Amino acid sequence: MDALFWKSGWREVPDDEFFRKVEEITARPAWVLDGNYAKTQPIKWRRVEQVVWIDPSFLRTIYRVTARTIRRSFT
């Protein structure tokens, strides 16, 4: 979903373009989306067949967020 939503330089795509991209992806015979873009739920849920819910522990989540933040602060 991030690849569909963000342009270079962390610029957001307009909603109409974003929705069009999600429509194109979900019209394919097979597709996988990750992320939680609530505004695209009406598009995604029309064609979803299976949901995989990943629920990492709180400590793992905090560790990854902290490590990613530190790494990004240097890059």
C-alpha atoms as a PDB file:
ATOM      1  CA  MET A   1       0.000   0.000   0.000  1.00  0.00           C
ATOM      2  CA  ASP A   2       2.848   2.385   0.762  1.00  0.00           C
ATOM      3  CA  ALA A   3       4.237   1.822  -2.733  1.00  0.00           C
ATOM      4  CA  LEU A   4       0.872   2.870  -4.160  1.00  0.00           C
ATOM      5  CA  PHE A   5       0.374   5.829  -1.821  1.00  0.00           C
ATOM      6  CA  TRP A   6       3.746   7.587  -1.732  1.00  0.00           C
ATOM      7  CA  LYS A   7       5.542   9.328  -4.562  1.00  0.00           C
ATOM      8  CA  SER A   8       9.246  10.130  -4.436  1.00  0.00           C
ATOM      9  CA  GLY A   9      10.202  12.586  -1.738  1.00  0.00           C
ATOM     10  CA  TRP A  10       7.405  11.277   0.512  1.00  0.00           C
ATOM     11  CA  ARG A  11       4.719  13.143  -1.429  1.00  0.00           C
ATOM     12  CA  GLU A  12       1.215  11.710  -1.183  1.00  0.00           C
ATOM     13  CA  VAL A  13      -0.689  10.824  -4.324  1.00  0.00           C
ATOM     14  CA  PRO A  14      -4.125  12.408  -4.685  1.00  0.00           C
ATOM     15  CA  ASP A  15      -6.980  10.188  -3.485  1.00  0.00           C
ATOM     16  CA  ASP A  16      -8.397   9.641  -6.971  1.00  0.00           C
ATOM     17  CA  GLU A  17      -5.027   8.361  -8.218  1.00  0.00           C
ATOM     18  CA  PHE A  18      -4.547   6.216  -5.122  1.00  0.00           C
ATOM     19  CA  PHE A  19      -8.000   4.659  -5.432  1.00  0.00           C
ATOM     20  CA  ARG A  20      -7.412   3.971  -9.134  1.00  0.00           C
ATOM     21  CA  LYS A  21      -4.154   2.166  -8.315  1.00  0.00           C
ATOM     22  CA  VAL A  22      -5.842   0.057  -5.626  1.00  0.00           C
ATOM     23  CA  GLU A  23      -8.666  -0.773  -8.065  1.00  0.00           C
ATOM     24  CA  GLU A  24      -6.106  -1.882 -10.684  1.00  0.00           C
ATOM     25  CA  ILE A  25      -4.198  -4.083  -8.242  1.00  0.00           C
ATOM     26  CA  THR A  26      -7.292  -5.736  -6.777  1.00  0.00           C
ATOM     27  CA  ALA A  27      -8.744  -6.433 -10.222  1.00  0.00           C
ATOM     28  CA  ARG A  28      -5.896  -8.868 -10.890  1.00  0.00           C
ATOM     29  CA  PRO A  29      -6.492 -12.611 -10.441  1.00  0.00           C
ATOM     30  CA  ALA A  30      -4.081 -12.737  -7.496  1.00  0.00           C
ATOM     31  CA  TRP A  31      -2.848  -9.948  -5.237  1.00  0.00           C
ATOM     32  CA  VAL A  32      -1.511  -9.224  -1.763  1.00  0.00           C
ATOM     33  CA  LEU A  33      -1.779  -5.909   0.059  1.00  0.00           C
ATOM     34  CA  ASP A  34      -0.186  -4.889   3.304  1.00  0.00           C
ATOM     35  CA  GLY A  35      -0.918  -1.880   5.441  1.00  0.00           C
ATOM     36  CA  ASN A  36      -3.914  -0.181   6.904  1.00  0.00           C
ATOM     37  CA  TYR A  37      -5.301   2.533   4.667  1.00  0.00           C
ATOM     38  CA  ALA A  38      -8.869   2.708   5.956  1.00  0.00           C
ATOM     39  CA  LYS A  39     -10.066   4.909   3.125  1.00  0.00           C
ATOM     40  CA  THR A  40      -9.402   2.049   0.683  1.00  0.00           C
ATOM     41  CA  GLN A  41     -11.466  -0.529   2.588  1.00  0.00           C
ATOM     42  CA  PRO A  42     -14.533  -0.231   0.332  1.00  0.00           C
ATOM     43  CA  ILE A  43     -12.322  -1.089  -2.661  1.00  0.00           C
ATOM     44  CA  LYS A  44     -10.297  -3.877  -1.044  1.00  0.00           C
ATOM     45  CA  TRP A  45     -13.100  -5.626   0.807  1.00  0.00           C
ATOM     46  CA  ARG A  46     -15.165  -6.126  -2.357  1.00  0.00           C
ATOM     47  CA  ARG A  47     -12.588  -8.625  -3.620  1.00  0.00           C
ATOM     48  CA  VAL A  48     -10.799  -9.964  -0.542  1.00  0.00           C
ATOM     49  CA  GLU A  49     -10.782 -13.726  -0.084  1.00  0.00           C
ATOM     50  CA  GLN A  50      -8.423 -14.167   2.828  1.00  0.00           C
ATOM     51  CA  VAL A  51      -7.012 -12.001   5.619  1.00  0.00           C
ATOM     52  CA  VAL A  52      -3.795 -12.780   7.460  1.00  0.00           C
ATOM     53  CA  TRP A  53      -3.520 -10.968  10.762  1.00  0.00           C
ATOM     54  CA  ILE A  54       0.000 -10.643  12.141  1.00  0.00           C
ATOM     55  CA  ASP A  55       0.078  -9.743  15.809  1.00  0.00           C
ATOM     56  CA  PRO A  56       3.667  -9.301  17.046  1.00  0.00           C
ATOM     57  CA  SER A  57       4.351  -8.765  20.719  1.00  0.00           C
ATOM     58  CA  PHE A  58       4.407  -5.254  22.141  1.00  0.00           C
ATOM     59  CA  LEU A  59       8.152  -5.475  22.893  1.00  0.00           C
ATOM     60  CA  ARG A  60       8.974  -6.607  19.365  1.00  0.00           C
ATOM     61  CA  THR A  61       6.921  -3.731  17.953  1.00  0.00           C
ATOM     62  CA  ILE A  62       8.611  -1.140  20.188  1.00  0.00           C
ATOM     63  CA  TYR A  63      12.049  -2.532  19.345  1.00  0.00           C
ATOM     64  CA  ARG A  64      11.394  -2.365  15.594  1.00  0.00           C
ATOM     65  CA  VAL A  65       9.920   1.136  15.731  1.00  0.00           C
ATOM     66  CA  THR A  66      12.849   2.393  17.789  1.00  0.00           C
ATOM     67  CA  ALA A  67      15.466   0.707  15.596  1.00  0.00           C
ATOM     68  CA  ARG A  68      13.819   2.025  12.424  1.00  0.00           C
ATOM     69  CA  THR A  69      13.622   5.557  13.844  1.00  0.00           C
ATOM     70  CA  ILE A  70      17.298   5.551  14.842  1.00  0.00           C
ATOM     71  CA  ARG A  71      18.345   4.103  11.487  1.00  0.00           C
ATOM     72  CA  ARG A  72      16.313   6.684   9.573  1.00  0.00           C
ATOM     73  CA  SER A  73      17.703   9.550  11.638  1.00  0.00           C
ATOM     74  CA  PHE A  74      21.156   8.731  10.243  1.00  0.00           C
ATOM     75  CA  THR A  75      20.010   8.240   6.667  1.00  0.00           C
END
